[in-house]
Every structure is written in C-alpha cells, then in structure tokens.
C-alpha cells in the first residue's frame, strides 16, 4: 500500500478523526464517554489538527493518525466547559472528573504521544511505524530530547510495536479500583530518547 505522511489534517476531516479515535480507544473510554453519538460529537469538537500527524492513502483518504501533546496544547484535550456542552452540566462534570484520572503530566523537553491509530484496512502495512517515525522527527524539530507514551496492559500488540521502535519501559502505574471502569489494570510508561 502506498501512503503519505503529513502534519495535521483539514478541519473537514475532524468527524473522521473523531470516529477513528473512538474506534481505537472505546474499549477503555466507553464506560465514561457513552453514548457513542455524544462521544463522537465531543471528540469532533476538541480534535486539534495542529497536534497531529496524519497518514493518507493514495486516494487521499485518512488512514492513520498520531496525536501529540506539548505545553501549547494536545490532539485531544477538552475542557469541562466543552464536556458540559455535549453531555450537560452534571454529565460533563462527572465525566471530566473520571477522565482526569488518566491525565499524564507534561514534562519539559518531552513530546507526549496523545494516541496513535491506524484504520483496520491499512494495518500491517507499516503505517503505524511511519507515524511513530514522524512523531520522533516532530519531537526533534520542537527541540525535545525524548518522546513519551503510556500503553495499557490490555494492548500487548501496541507495546511490542513500541519496543521494536526503540521505546523503553520506565515503570508502571496501577489504577487501582478504577480498573472496573476503564477495563485495564496498569499502564506502562515508555520513553524513546532522541539522539543528537
């Protein structure tokens, strides 16, 4: 399969990006973000193209995305106000509180990966590896010295991909009783150190 990698994506692709994000992460987000229609509306509202790298098939269709976070913003980082706009006041407040459990601190000189996903029709074609390589390149251009991500224990395939790409596990975080909500017990922090 032929594909191209480029920074960002057009605003008219926000709905498609939201759908891809939901498909990739609904396993852990569904209990908090359901119903699906509202989840898709929320992710479409907050999707930030300036903090994403995209993969396109030859026909121009969006087949993959890698989001990232810096101190200036993130690919998927909504506010309580945006949450309430979709779910109502009470629904937005409690969902925001639960999602705050998954937040990760931003460290200086570190690019934080904010989700990576590839359309089912394009998997096994090297798109994920190409997006990770582009994330590393983006980190260098932003003056970062490392790339960090967190992978959950129910996604060993992703962890294996990151290990092949040179990411090294730095520790695990147990989410305790919240595992009953999000469907995973632990997340592993992995770091790729950029060489000069």
N, C-alpha and C. Protein backbone atom coordinates (compact mmCIF):
# COMPACT_ATOMS: atom_id res chain seq x y z
N UNK A 1 0.84 -1.20 0.00
CA UNK A 1 0.00 0.00 0.00
C UNK A 1 0.87 1.25 0.00
N UNK A 2 0.54 2.19 -0.86
CA UNK A 2 1.23 3.47 -0.91
C UNK A 2 0.49 4.46 -0.01
N UNK A 3 1.24 5.24 0.75
CA UNK A 3 0.62 6.24 1.62
C UNK A 3 1.60 7.39 1.83
N UNK A 4 1.06 8.51 2.27
CA UNK A 4 1.89 9.68 2.57
C UNK A 4 1.64 10.10 4.01
N UNK A 5 2.65 10.68 4.61
CA UNK A 5 2.58 11.17 6.00
C UNK A 5 2.73 12.69 5.95
N UNK A 6 1.86 13.39 6.67
CA UNK A 6 1.98 14.86 6.70
C UNK A 6 1.47 15.40 8.03
N UNK A 7 1.85 16.63 8.33
CA UNK A 7 1.42 17.29 9.55
C UNK A 7 -0.05 17.66 9.46
N UNK A 8 -0.77 17.49 10.57
CA UNK A 8 -2.13 17.98 10.69
C UNK A 8 -3.13 17.30 9.78
N UNK A 9 -4.32 17.87 9.74
CA UNK A 9 -5.36 17.41 8.82
C UNK A 9 -6.38 18.54 8.68
N UNK A 10 -7.14 18.50 7.61
CA UNK A 10 -8.11 19.56 7.33
C UNK A 10 -9.27 19.49 8.32
N UNK A 11 -9.86 20.66 8.61
CA UNK A 11 -10.97 20.72 9.56
C UNK A 11 -12.13 19.82 9.15
N UNK A 12 -12.34 19.67 7.85
CA UNK A 12 -13.47 18.85 7.41
C UNK A 12 -13.26 17.36 7.71
N UNK A 13 -12.04 16.98 8.14
CA UNK A 13 -11.77 15.59 8.50
C UNK A 13 -11.90 15.34 10.00
N UNK A 14 -12.33 16.37 10.75
CA UNK A 14 -12.44 16.20 12.20
C UNK A 14 -13.41 15.07 12.59
N UNK A 15 -14.53 14.97 11.89
CA UNK A 15 -15.50 13.92 12.21
C UNK A 15 -14.89 12.54 11.98
N UNK A 16 -14.13 12.40 10.88
CA UNK A 16 -13.49 11.11 10.58
C UNK A 16 -12.41 10.81 11.62
N UNK A 17 -11.63 11.83 11.99
CA UNK A 17 -10.59 11.65 13.01
C UNK A 17 -11.21 11.23 14.34
N UNK A 18 -12.34 11.85 14.70
CA UNK A 18 -13.03 11.51 15.94
C UNK A 18 -13.50 10.07 15.92
N UNK A 19 -14.02 9.63 14.78
CA UNK A 19 -14.51 8.26 14.66
C UNK A 19 -13.36 7.26 14.79
N UNK A 20 -12.22 7.57 14.16
CA UNK A 20 -11.06 6.69 14.25
C UNK A 20 -10.54 6.62 15.69
N UNK A 21 -10.51 7.77 16.36
CA UNK A 21 -10.05 7.83 17.74
C UNK A 21 -10.96 6.98 18.63
N UNK A 22 -12.27 7.15 18.46
CA UNK A 22 -13.24 6.39 19.26
C UNK A 22 -13.11 4.89 19.00
N UNK A 23 -12.96 4.50 17.75
CA UNK A 23 -12.80 3.09 17.41
C UNK A 23 -11.58 2.50 18.11
N UNK A 24 -10.49 3.26 18.15
CA UNK A 24 -9.25 2.79 18.75
C UNK A 24 -9.32 2.72 20.28
N UNK A 25 -10.03 3.65 20.90
CA UNK A 25 -9.96 3.76 22.36
C UNK A 25 -11.28 3.54 23.09
N UNK A 26 -12.32 3.12 22.38
CA UNK A 26 -13.61 2.96 23.05
C UNK A 26 -13.57 1.85 24.10
N UNK A 27 -12.66 0.90 23.96
CA UNK A 27 -12.55 -0.17 24.95
C UNK A 27 -12.37 0.36 26.36
N UNK A 28 -11.56 1.40 26.50
CA UNK A 28 -11.35 1.96 27.84
C UNK A 28 -12.19 3.20 28.10
N UNK A 29 -12.64 3.88 27.05
CA UNK A 29 -13.39 5.13 27.25
C UNK A 29 -14.91 4.96 27.26
N UNK A 30 -15.41 3.86 26.70
CA UNK A 30 -16.85 3.69 26.56
C UNK A 30 -17.63 3.81 27.87
N UNK A 31 -17.17 3.20 28.98
CA UNK A 31 -17.96 3.30 30.21
C UNK A 31 -18.18 4.74 30.67
N UNK A 32 -17.22 5.61 30.40
CA UNK A 32 -17.32 7.01 30.83
C UNK A 32 -17.93 7.89 29.74
N UNK A 33 -17.59 7.66 28.48
CA UNK A 33 -17.96 8.58 27.40
C UNK A 33 -19.24 8.21 26.66
N UNK A 34 -19.83 7.06 26.93
CA UNK A 34 -21.08 6.70 26.24
C UNK A 34 -22.17 7.70 26.56
N UNK A 35 -23.16 7.83 25.69
CA UNK A 35 -23.41 7.06 24.47
C UNK A 35 -22.48 7.47 23.33
N UNK A 36 -22.33 6.58 22.37
CA UNK A 36 -21.38 6.78 21.28
C UNK A 36 -21.61 8.09 20.53
N UNK A 37 -22.86 8.43 20.27
CA UNK A 37 -23.14 9.65 19.50
C UNK A 37 -22.57 10.88 20.19
N UNK A 38 -22.70 10.94 21.51
CA UNK A 38 -22.16 12.09 22.25
C UNK A 38 -20.64 12.04 22.31
N UNK A 39 -20.08 10.84 22.45
CA UNK A 39 -18.62 10.71 22.46
C UNK A 39 -18.04 11.21 21.14
N UNK A 40 -18.65 10.81 20.03
CA UNK A 40 -18.17 11.25 18.72
C UNK A 40 -18.30 12.77 18.56
N UNK A 41 -19.40 13.32 19.05
CA UNK A 41 -19.59 14.78 18.98
C UNK A 41 -18.53 15.50 19.81
N UNK A 42 -18.22 14.96 20.99
CA UNK A 42 -17.22 15.58 21.85
C UNK A 42 -15.83 15.53 21.21
N UNK A 43 -15.44 14.36 20.73
CA UNK A 43 -14.10 14.24 20.14
C UNK A 43 -13.97 15.06 18.86
N UNK A 44 -15.04 15.17 18.10
CA UNK A 44 -15.00 16.03 16.92
C UNK A 44 -14.83 17.49 17.34
N UNK A 45 -15.48 17.90 18.42
CA UNK A 45 -15.39 19.26 18.92
C UNK A 45 -13.97 19.62 19.35
N UNK A 46 -13.29 18.69 20.04
CA UNK A 46 -12.00 19.03 20.64
C UNK A 46 -10.79 18.65 19.79
N UNK A 47 -10.98 17.84 18.73
CA UNK A 47 -9.83 17.39 17.92
C UNK A 47 -9.03 18.59 17.42
N UNK A 48 -7.73 18.56 17.67
CA UNK A 48 -6.84 19.67 17.33
C UNK A 48 -5.86 19.24 16.24
N UNK A 49 -6.11 19.61 14.99
CA UNK A 49 -5.25 19.18 13.88
C UNK A 49 -3.80 19.63 14.01
N UNK A 50 -3.54 20.73 14.72
CA UNK A 50 -2.16 21.22 14.82
C UNK A 50 -1.28 20.32 15.69
N UNK A 51 -1.92 19.40 16.42
CA UNK A 51 -1.16 18.48 17.27
C UNK A 51 -1.37 17.03 16.82
N UNK A 52 -1.33 16.85 15.50
CA UNK A 52 -1.49 15.51 14.94
C UNK A 52 -0.65 15.36 13.68
N UNK A 53 -0.27 14.13 13.42
CA UNK A 53 0.41 13.76 12.18
C UNK A 53 -0.48 12.72 11.51
N UNK A 54 -0.71 12.88 10.21
CA UNK A 54 -1.69 12.05 9.51
C UNK A 54 -1.05 11.17 8.45
N UNK A 55 -1.73 10.06 8.19
CA UNK A 55 -1.35 9.17 7.09
C UNK A 55 -2.52 9.11 6.11
N UNK A 56 -2.21 9.28 4.83
CA UNK A 56 -3.23 9.28 3.78
C UNK A 56 -2.93 8.20 2.75
N UNK A 57 -3.99 7.51 2.31
CA UNK A 57 -3.86 6.54 1.23
C UNK A 57 -3.71 7.29 -0.09
N UNK A 58 -3.44 6.56 -1.16
CA UNK A 58 -3.27 7.17 -2.48
C UNK A 58 -4.49 7.96 -2.92
N UNK A 59 -5.67 7.51 -2.51
CA UNK A 59 -6.90 8.21 -2.92
C UNK A 59 -7.22 9.42 -2.03
N UNK A 60 -6.31 9.73 -1.10
CA UNK A 60 -6.49 10.89 -0.24
C UNK A 60 -7.26 10.64 1.03
N UNK A 61 -7.70 9.40 1.25
CA UNK A 61 -8.46 9.09 2.46
C UNK A 61 -7.53 9.00 3.67
N UNK A 62 -8.04 9.44 4.80
CA UNK A 62 -7.28 9.43 6.06
C UNK A 62 -7.27 8.00 6.60
N UNK A 63 -6.07 7.42 6.77
CA UNK A 63 -5.98 6.03 7.21
C UNK A 63 -5.24 5.88 8.55
N UNK A 64 -4.68 6.96 9.07
CA UNK A 64 -3.99 6.86 10.35
C UNK A 64 -3.68 8.22 10.92
N UNK A 65 -3.57 8.26 12.24
CA UNK A 65 -3.25 9.50 12.94
C UNK A 65 -2.37 9.20 14.15
N UNK A 66 -1.47 10.11 14.44
CA UNK A 66 -0.70 10.07 15.68
C UNK A 66 -0.85 11.44 16.32
N UNK A 67 -1.45 11.48 17.48
CA UNK A 67 -1.60 12.74 18.20
C UNK A 67 -0.45 12.96 19.16
N UNK A 68 -0.21 14.21 19.49
CA UNK A 68 0.85 14.52 20.46
C UNK A 68 0.44 15.72 21.30
N UNK A 69 1.11 15.84 22.43
CA UNK A 69 0.84 16.94 23.35
C UNK A 69 2.13 17.68 23.65
N UNK A 70 2.02 19.00 23.71
CA UNK A 70 3.12 19.88 24.14
C UNK A 70 2.53 20.84 25.16
N UNK A 71 3.34 21.73 25.68
CA UNK A 71 2.80 22.71 26.64
C UNK A 71 1.82 23.67 25.97
N UNK A 72 1.85 23.73 24.62
CA UNK A 72 0.93 24.61 23.88
C UNK A 72 -0.43 23.97 23.62
N UNK A 73 -0.56 22.67 23.80
CA UNK A 73 -1.83 22.03 23.55
C UNK A 73 -1.67 20.55 23.27
N UNK A 74 -2.80 19.90 22.92
CA UNK A 74 -2.79 18.46 22.67
C UNK A 74 -3.79 18.12 21.59
N UNK A 75 -3.65 16.94 21.03
CA UNK A 75 -4.56 16.46 19.99
C UNK A 75 -5.99 16.31 20.53
N UNK A 76 -6.12 15.71 21.69
CA UNK A 76 -7.44 15.51 22.30
C UNK A 76 -7.39 15.98 23.75
N UNK A 77 -7.66 17.24 23.96
CA UNK A 77 -7.66 17.79 25.32
C UNK A 77 -8.81 18.78 25.45
N UNK A 78 -9.93 18.29 25.92
CA UNK A 78 -11.10 19.15 26.07
C UNK A 78 -11.18 19.75 27.45
N UNK A 79 -12.02 20.75 27.58
CA UNK A 79 -12.26 21.41 28.86
C UNK A 79 -13.58 20.90 29.45
N UNK A 80 -13.77 21.18 30.72
CA UNK A 80 -15.04 20.83 31.37
C UNK A 80 -16.19 21.54 30.65
N UNK A 81 -15.96 22.79 30.24
CA UNK A 81 -16.99 23.53 29.52
C UNK A 81 -17.40 22.84 28.23
N UNK A 82 -16.42 22.32 27.48
CA UNK A 82 -16.72 21.60 26.24
C UNK A 82 -17.45 20.29 26.54
N UNK A 83 -17.04 19.64 27.62
CA UNK A 83 -17.70 18.40 28.03
C UNK A 83 -19.16 18.67 28.39
N UNK A 84 -19.39 19.74 29.15
CA UNK A 84 -20.76 20.09 29.54
C UNK A 84 -21.61 20.50 28.34
N UNK A 85 -20.97 21.09 27.32
CA UNK A 85 -21.71 21.50 26.12
C UNK A 85 -22.30 20.29 25.40
N UNK A 86 -21.65 19.14 25.52
CA UNK A 86 -22.13 17.92 24.86
C UNK A 86 -23.00 17.08 25.79
N UNK A 87 -22.58 16.93 27.05
CA UNK A 87 -23.24 16.00 27.97
C UNK A 87 -24.16 16.66 28.99
N UNK A 88 -24.23 17.99 28.97
CA UNK A 88 -24.99 18.67 30.01
C UNK A 88 -24.11 18.90 31.23
N UNK A 89 -24.58 19.74 32.15
CA UNK A 89 -23.74 20.14 33.30
C UNK A 89 -23.32 18.94 34.13
N UNK A 90 -24.27 18.19 34.65
CA UNK A 90 -23.93 17.07 35.53
C UNK A 90 -23.11 16.02 34.80
N UNK A 91 -23.55 15.64 33.59
CA UNK A 91 -22.84 14.63 32.81
C UNK A 91 -21.42 15.05 32.46
N UNK A 92 -21.24 16.33 32.18
CA UNK A 92 -19.91 16.83 31.86
C UNK A 92 -18.99 16.84 33.06
N UNK A 93 -19.53 17.22 34.23
CA UNK A 93 -18.70 17.29 35.44
C UNK A 93 -18.19 15.92 35.85
N UNK A 94 -19.09 14.94 35.97
CA UNK A 94 -18.61 13.64 36.46
C UNK A 94 -17.70 12.96 35.45
N UNK A 95 -17.97 13.14 34.16
CA UNK A 95 -17.09 12.55 33.16
C UNK A 95 -15.71 13.20 33.21
N UNK A 96 -15.67 14.52 33.36
CA UNK A 96 -14.39 15.22 33.46
C UNK A 96 -13.57 14.74 34.64
N UNK A 97 -14.23 14.49 35.77
CA UNK A 97 -13.53 14.01 36.97
C UNK A 97 -12.93 12.63 36.74
N UNK A 98 -13.70 11.74 36.12
CA UNK A 98 -13.18 10.40 35.86
C UNK A 98 -12.03 10.43 34.85
N UNK A 99 -12.16 11.23 33.80
CA UNK A 99 -11.10 11.29 32.80
C UNK A 99 -9.81 11.90 33.34
N UNK A 100 -9.93 12.75 34.36
CA UNK A 100 -8.73 13.36 34.95
C UNK A 100 -7.81 12.30 35.56
N UNK A 101 -8.36 11.14 35.88
CA UNK A 101 -7.55 10.04 36.43
C UNK A 101 -6.52 9.57 35.40
N UNK A 102 -6.87 9.69 34.13
CA UNK A 102 -5.99 9.21 33.05
C UNK A 102 -4.98 10.26 32.58
N UNK A 103 -5.08 11.48 33.10
CA UNK A 103 -4.18 12.54 32.65
C UNK A 103 -2.74 12.25 33.03
N UNK A 104 -1.85 12.66 32.14
CA UNK A 104 -0.42 12.45 32.37
C UNK A 104 0.29 13.80 32.39
N UNK A 105 1.21 14.00 33.32
CA UNK A 105 1.89 15.30 33.39
C UNK A 105 2.79 15.54 32.19
N UNK A 106 2.84 16.79 31.76
CA UNK A 106 3.73 17.18 30.67
C UNK A 106 5.09 17.52 31.25
N UNK A 107 6.14 16.87 30.73
CA UNK A 107 7.49 17.11 31.24
C UNK A 107 8.27 17.97 30.25
N UNK A 108 9.18 18.80 30.76
CA UNK A 108 9.99 19.64 29.87
C UNK A 108 10.81 18.80 28.89
N UNK A 109 10.92 19.30 27.67
CA UNK A 109 11.75 18.68 26.63
C UNK A 109 11.28 17.27 26.24
N UNK A 110 10.04 16.94 26.58
CA UNK A 110 9.49 15.63 26.24
C UNK A 110 8.21 15.80 25.45
N UNK A 111 8.15 15.16 24.28
CA UNK A 111 6.93 15.15 23.49
C UNK A 111 6.08 13.98 23.98
N UNK A 112 4.85 14.26 24.37
CA UNK A 112 3.95 13.24 24.88
C UNK A 112 3.04 12.76 23.76
N UNK A 113 3.12 11.49 23.43
CA UNK A 113 2.21 10.95 22.42
C UNK A 113 0.81 10.90 23.00
N UNK A 114 -0.16 11.35 22.19
CA UNK A 114 -1.55 11.51 22.64
C UNK A 114 -2.46 10.64 21.78
N UNK A 115 -2.05 9.37 21.60
CA UNK A 115 -2.85 8.44 20.82
C UNK A 115 -2.32 8.22 19.42
N UNK A 116 -2.29 6.97 19.01
CA UNK A 116 -1.90 6.61 17.64
C UNK A 116 -2.84 5.50 17.19
N UNK A 117 -3.35 5.60 15.97
CA UNK A 117 -4.28 4.60 15.49
C UNK A 117 -4.25 4.56 13.97
N UNK A 118 -4.49 3.36 13.46
CA UNK A 118 -4.47 3.10 12.02
C UNK A 118 -5.77 2.40 11.65
N UNK A 119 -6.37 2.80 10.53
CA UNK A 119 -7.60 2.19 10.06
C UNK A 119 -7.37 0.69 9.82
N UNK A 120 -8.40 -0.10 10.13
CA UNK A 120 -8.29 -1.56 10.01
C UNK A 120 -7.86 -1.98 8.60
N UNK A 121 -8.26 -1.25 7.58
CA UNK A 121 -7.93 -1.60 6.20
C UNK A 121 -6.46 -1.37 5.87
N UNK A 122 -5.74 -0.64 6.73
CA UNK A 122 -4.35 -0.29 6.44
C UNK A 122 -3.36 -0.90 7.42
N UNK A 123 -3.83 -1.74 8.32
CA UNK A 123 -2.92 -2.33 9.30
C UNK A 123 -2.01 -3.35 8.65
N UNK A 124 -0.82 -3.49 9.24
CA UNK A 124 0.16 -4.43 8.71
C UNK A 124 0.91 -3.93 7.50
N UNK A 125 0.76 -2.63 7.19
CA UNK A 125 1.40 -2.04 6.01
C UNK A 125 2.53 -1.08 6.39
N UNK A 126 2.86 -1.00 7.68
CA UNK A 126 3.93 -0.11 8.12
C UNK A 126 3.47 1.31 8.43
N UNK A 127 2.16 1.55 8.41
CA UNK A 127 1.66 2.91 8.65
C UNK A 127 1.95 3.35 10.08
N UNK A 128 1.72 2.46 11.05
CA UNK A 128 1.99 2.79 12.44
C UNK A 128 3.44 3.14 12.67
N UNK A 129 4.34 2.35 12.10
CA UNK A 129 5.78 2.63 12.24
C UNK A 129 6.16 3.96 11.60
N UNK A 130 5.54 4.26 10.45
CA UNK A 130 5.82 5.53 9.77
C UNK A 130 5.33 6.71 10.61
N UNK A 131 4.18 6.56 11.25
CA UNK A 131 3.66 7.63 12.11
C UNK A 131 4.55 7.83 13.33
N UNK A 132 5.06 6.75 13.91
CA UNK A 132 5.96 6.87 15.05
C UNK A 132 7.25 7.57 14.63
N UNK A 133 7.78 7.21 13.46
CA UNK A 133 8.99 7.88 12.95
C UNK A 133 8.74 9.37 12.77
N UNK A 134 7.54 9.73 12.28
CA UNK A 134 7.20 11.14 12.10
C UNK A 134 7.06 11.86 13.43
N UNK A 135 6.55 11.17 14.45
CA UNK A 135 6.46 11.75 15.79
C UNK A 135 7.86 12.05 16.33
N UNK A 136 8.78 11.12 16.13
CA UNK A 136 10.17 11.33 16.58
C UNK A 136 10.78 12.54 15.88
N UNK A 137 10.52 12.66 14.58
CA UNK A 137 11.03 13.80 13.81
C UNK A 137 10.42 15.10 14.32
N UNK A 138 9.12 15.08 14.59
CA UNK A 138 8.44 16.27 15.13
C UNK A 138 9.05 16.67 16.46
N UNK A 139 9.33 15.69 17.31
CA UNK A 139 9.93 15.98 18.61
C UNK A 139 11.28 16.68 18.45
N UNK A 140 12.07 16.21 17.50
CA UNK A 140 13.37 16.85 17.26
C UNK A 140 13.19 18.29 16.81
N UNK A 141 12.25 18.53 15.89
CA UNK A 141 12.04 19.89 15.39
C UNK A 141 11.55 20.82 16.49
N UNK A 142 10.87 20.28 17.48
CA UNK A 142 10.38 21.09 18.60
C UNK A 142 11.42 21.23 19.72
N UNK A 143 12.60 20.66 19.50
CA UNK A 143 13.66 20.79 20.49
C UNK A 143 13.55 19.85 21.68
N UNK A 144 12.79 18.79 21.51
CA UNK A 144 12.63 17.82 22.60
C UNK A 144 13.80 16.83 22.61
N UNK A 145 14.01 16.23 23.76
CA UNK A 145 15.08 15.23 23.90
C UNK A 145 14.53 13.82 24.03
N UNK A 146 13.20 13.70 24.17
CA UNK A 146 12.61 12.37 24.28
C UNK A 146 11.15 12.39 23.87
N UNK A 147 10.63 11.20 23.59
CA UNK A 147 9.20 11.00 23.30
C UNK A 147 8.69 10.03 24.34
N UNK A 148 7.54 10.36 24.92
CA UNK A 148 6.97 9.52 25.97
C UNK A 148 5.56 9.09 25.58
N UNK A 149 5.20 7.90 25.99
CA UNK A 149 3.84 7.41 25.79
C UNK A 149 3.49 6.47 26.93
N UNK A 150 2.21 6.18 27.06
CA UNK A 150 1.74 5.21 28.05
C UNK A 150 0.90 4.19 27.32
N UNK A 151 1.15 2.91 27.58
CA UNK A 151 0.41 1.84 26.93
C UNK A 151 -0.23 0.97 28.01
N UNK A 152 -1.50 0.61 27.79
CA UNK A 152 -2.22 -0.15 28.81
C UNK A 152 -1.94 -1.65 28.68
N UNK A 153 -2.14 -2.35 29.79
CA UNK A 153 -1.79 -3.77 29.85
C UNK A 153 -2.67 -4.66 28.96
N UNK A 154 -3.79 -4.14 28.50
CA UNK A 154 -4.66 -4.93 27.62
C UNK A 154 -4.30 -4.75 26.15
N UNK A 155 -3.19 -4.05 25.87
CA UNK A 155 -2.78 -3.82 24.48
C UNK A 155 -1.33 -4.25 24.27
N UNK A 156 -1.05 -5.55 24.42
CA UNK A 156 0.34 -6.02 24.27
C UNK A 156 0.89 -5.83 22.86
N UNK A 157 0.00 -5.83 21.86
CA UNK A 157 0.45 -5.65 20.48
C UNK A 157 1.08 -4.27 20.29
N UNK A 158 0.44 -3.25 20.87
CA UNK A 158 0.99 -1.89 20.77
C UNK A 158 2.32 -1.81 21.52
N UNK A 159 2.39 -2.42 22.69
CA UNK A 159 3.63 -2.40 23.48
C UNK A 159 4.78 -3.03 22.70
N UNK A 160 4.49 -4.12 22.01
CA UNK A 160 5.52 -4.78 21.20
C UNK A 160 5.98 -3.87 20.06
N UNK A 161 5.04 -3.15 19.44
CA UNK A 161 5.40 -2.21 18.38
C UNK A 161 6.33 -1.13 18.92
N UNK A 162 5.99 -0.56 20.07
CA UNK A 162 6.81 0.50 20.65
C UNK A 162 8.20 -0.02 21.00
N UNK A 163 8.27 -1.24 21.50
CA UNK A 163 9.58 -1.82 21.82
C UNK A 163 10.43 -1.97 20.56
N UNK A 164 9.79 -2.41 19.47
CA UNK A 164 10.53 -2.52 18.20
C UNK A 164 11.01 -1.16 17.71
N UNK A 165 10.29 -0.12 18.07
CA UNK A 165 10.64 1.24 17.66
C UNK A 165 11.64 1.90 18.62
N UNK A 166 12.14 1.15 19.59
CA UNK A 166 13.19 1.66 20.48
C UNK A 166 12.71 2.30 21.77
N UNK A 167 11.41 2.21 22.07
CA UNK A 167 10.90 2.74 23.33
C UNK A 167 11.24 1.77 24.46
N UNK A 168 11.60 2.33 25.59
CA UNK A 168 12.00 1.52 26.75
C UNK A 168 11.04 1.78 27.90
N UNK A 169 10.57 0.70 28.52
CA UNK A 169 9.65 0.83 29.66
C UNK A 169 10.36 1.49 30.83
N UNK A 170 9.69 2.48 31.43
CA UNK A 170 10.27 3.22 32.54
C UNK A 170 9.55 2.98 33.87
N UNK A 171 8.45 2.26 33.82
CA UNK A 171 7.69 2.00 35.04
C UNK A 171 6.23 1.79 34.73
N UNK A 172 5.50 1.26 35.70
CA UNK A 172 4.07 1.01 35.52
C UNK A 172 3.26 1.74 36.58
N UNK A 173 2.03 2.07 36.22
CA UNK A 173 1.10 2.72 37.13
C UNK A 173 -0.14 1.85 37.25
N UNK A 174 -0.50 1.52 38.48
CA UNK A 174 -1.70 0.73 38.75
C UNK A 174 -2.84 1.70 39.02
N UNK A 175 -3.96 1.55 38.32
CA UNK A 175 -5.06 2.50 38.52
C UNK A 175 -6.05 2.02 39.60
N UNK A 176 -5.69 0.94 40.28
CA UNK A 176 -6.47 0.50 41.43
C UNK A 176 -7.91 0.16 41.09
N UNK A 177 -8.85 0.59 41.93
CA UNK A 177 -10.26 0.23 41.70
C UNK A 177 -10.85 0.81 40.42
N UNK A 178 -10.20 1.81 39.83
CA UNK A 178 -10.71 2.38 38.58
C UNK A 178 -10.60 1.41 37.41
N UNK A 179 -9.92 0.27 37.63
CA UNK A 179 -9.84 -0.75 36.59
C UNK A 179 -11.22 -1.28 36.22
N UNK A 180 -12.15 -1.22 37.18
CA UNK A 180 -13.51 -1.69 36.92
C UNK A 180 -14.26 -0.74 35.97
N UNK A 181 -13.79 0.49 35.89
CA UNK A 181 -14.42 1.47 35.00
C UNK A 181 -13.76 1.45 33.63
N UNK A 182 -12.43 1.49 33.62
CA UNK A 182 -11.71 1.65 32.36
C UNK A 182 -11.31 0.34 31.68
N UNK A 183 -11.41 -0.77 32.40
CA UNK A 183 -11.15 -2.07 31.77
C UNK A 183 -9.70 -2.46 31.65
N UNK A 184 -8.80 -1.75 32.31
CA UNK A 184 -7.41 -2.17 32.36
C UNK A 184 -6.87 -1.93 33.76
N UNK A 185 -5.81 -2.66 34.13
CA UNK A 185 -5.28 -2.56 35.49
C UNK A 185 -4.09 -1.63 35.60
N UNK A 186 -3.21 -1.71 34.59
CA UNK A 186 -1.96 -0.96 34.67
C UNK A 186 -1.63 -0.32 33.32
N UNK A 187 -0.86 0.75 33.40
CA UNK A 187 -0.29 1.33 32.19
C UNK A 187 1.22 1.41 32.36
N UNK A 188 1.92 1.19 31.27
CA UNK A 188 3.38 1.24 31.28
C UNK A 188 3.84 2.51 30.59
N UNK A 189 4.68 3.26 31.26
CA UNK A 189 5.29 4.45 30.65
C UNK A 189 6.51 4.01 29.85
N UNK A 190 6.54 4.41 28.57
CA UNK A 190 7.66 4.06 27.70
C UNK A 190 8.27 5.33 27.12
N UNK A 191 9.59 5.34 27.02
CA UNK A 191 10.31 6.54 26.58
C UNK A 191 11.29 6.18 25.48
N UNK A 192 11.31 7.02 24.45
CA UNK A 192 12.33 6.94 23.42
C UNK A 192 13.23 8.16 23.56
N UNK A 193 14.52 7.93 23.76
CA UNK A 193 15.48 9.02 23.90
C UNK A 193 16.03 9.39 22.53
N UNK A 194 15.91 10.68 22.19
CA UNK A 194 16.37 11.16 20.89
C UNK A 194 17.87 11.42 20.92
N UNK A 195 18.56 10.94 19.92
CA UNK A 195 20.00 11.20 19.82
C UNK A 195 20.23 12.45 18.99
N UNK A 196 21.31 13.16 19.29
CA UNK A 196 21.64 14.36 18.51
C UNK A 196 22.09 13.99 17.10
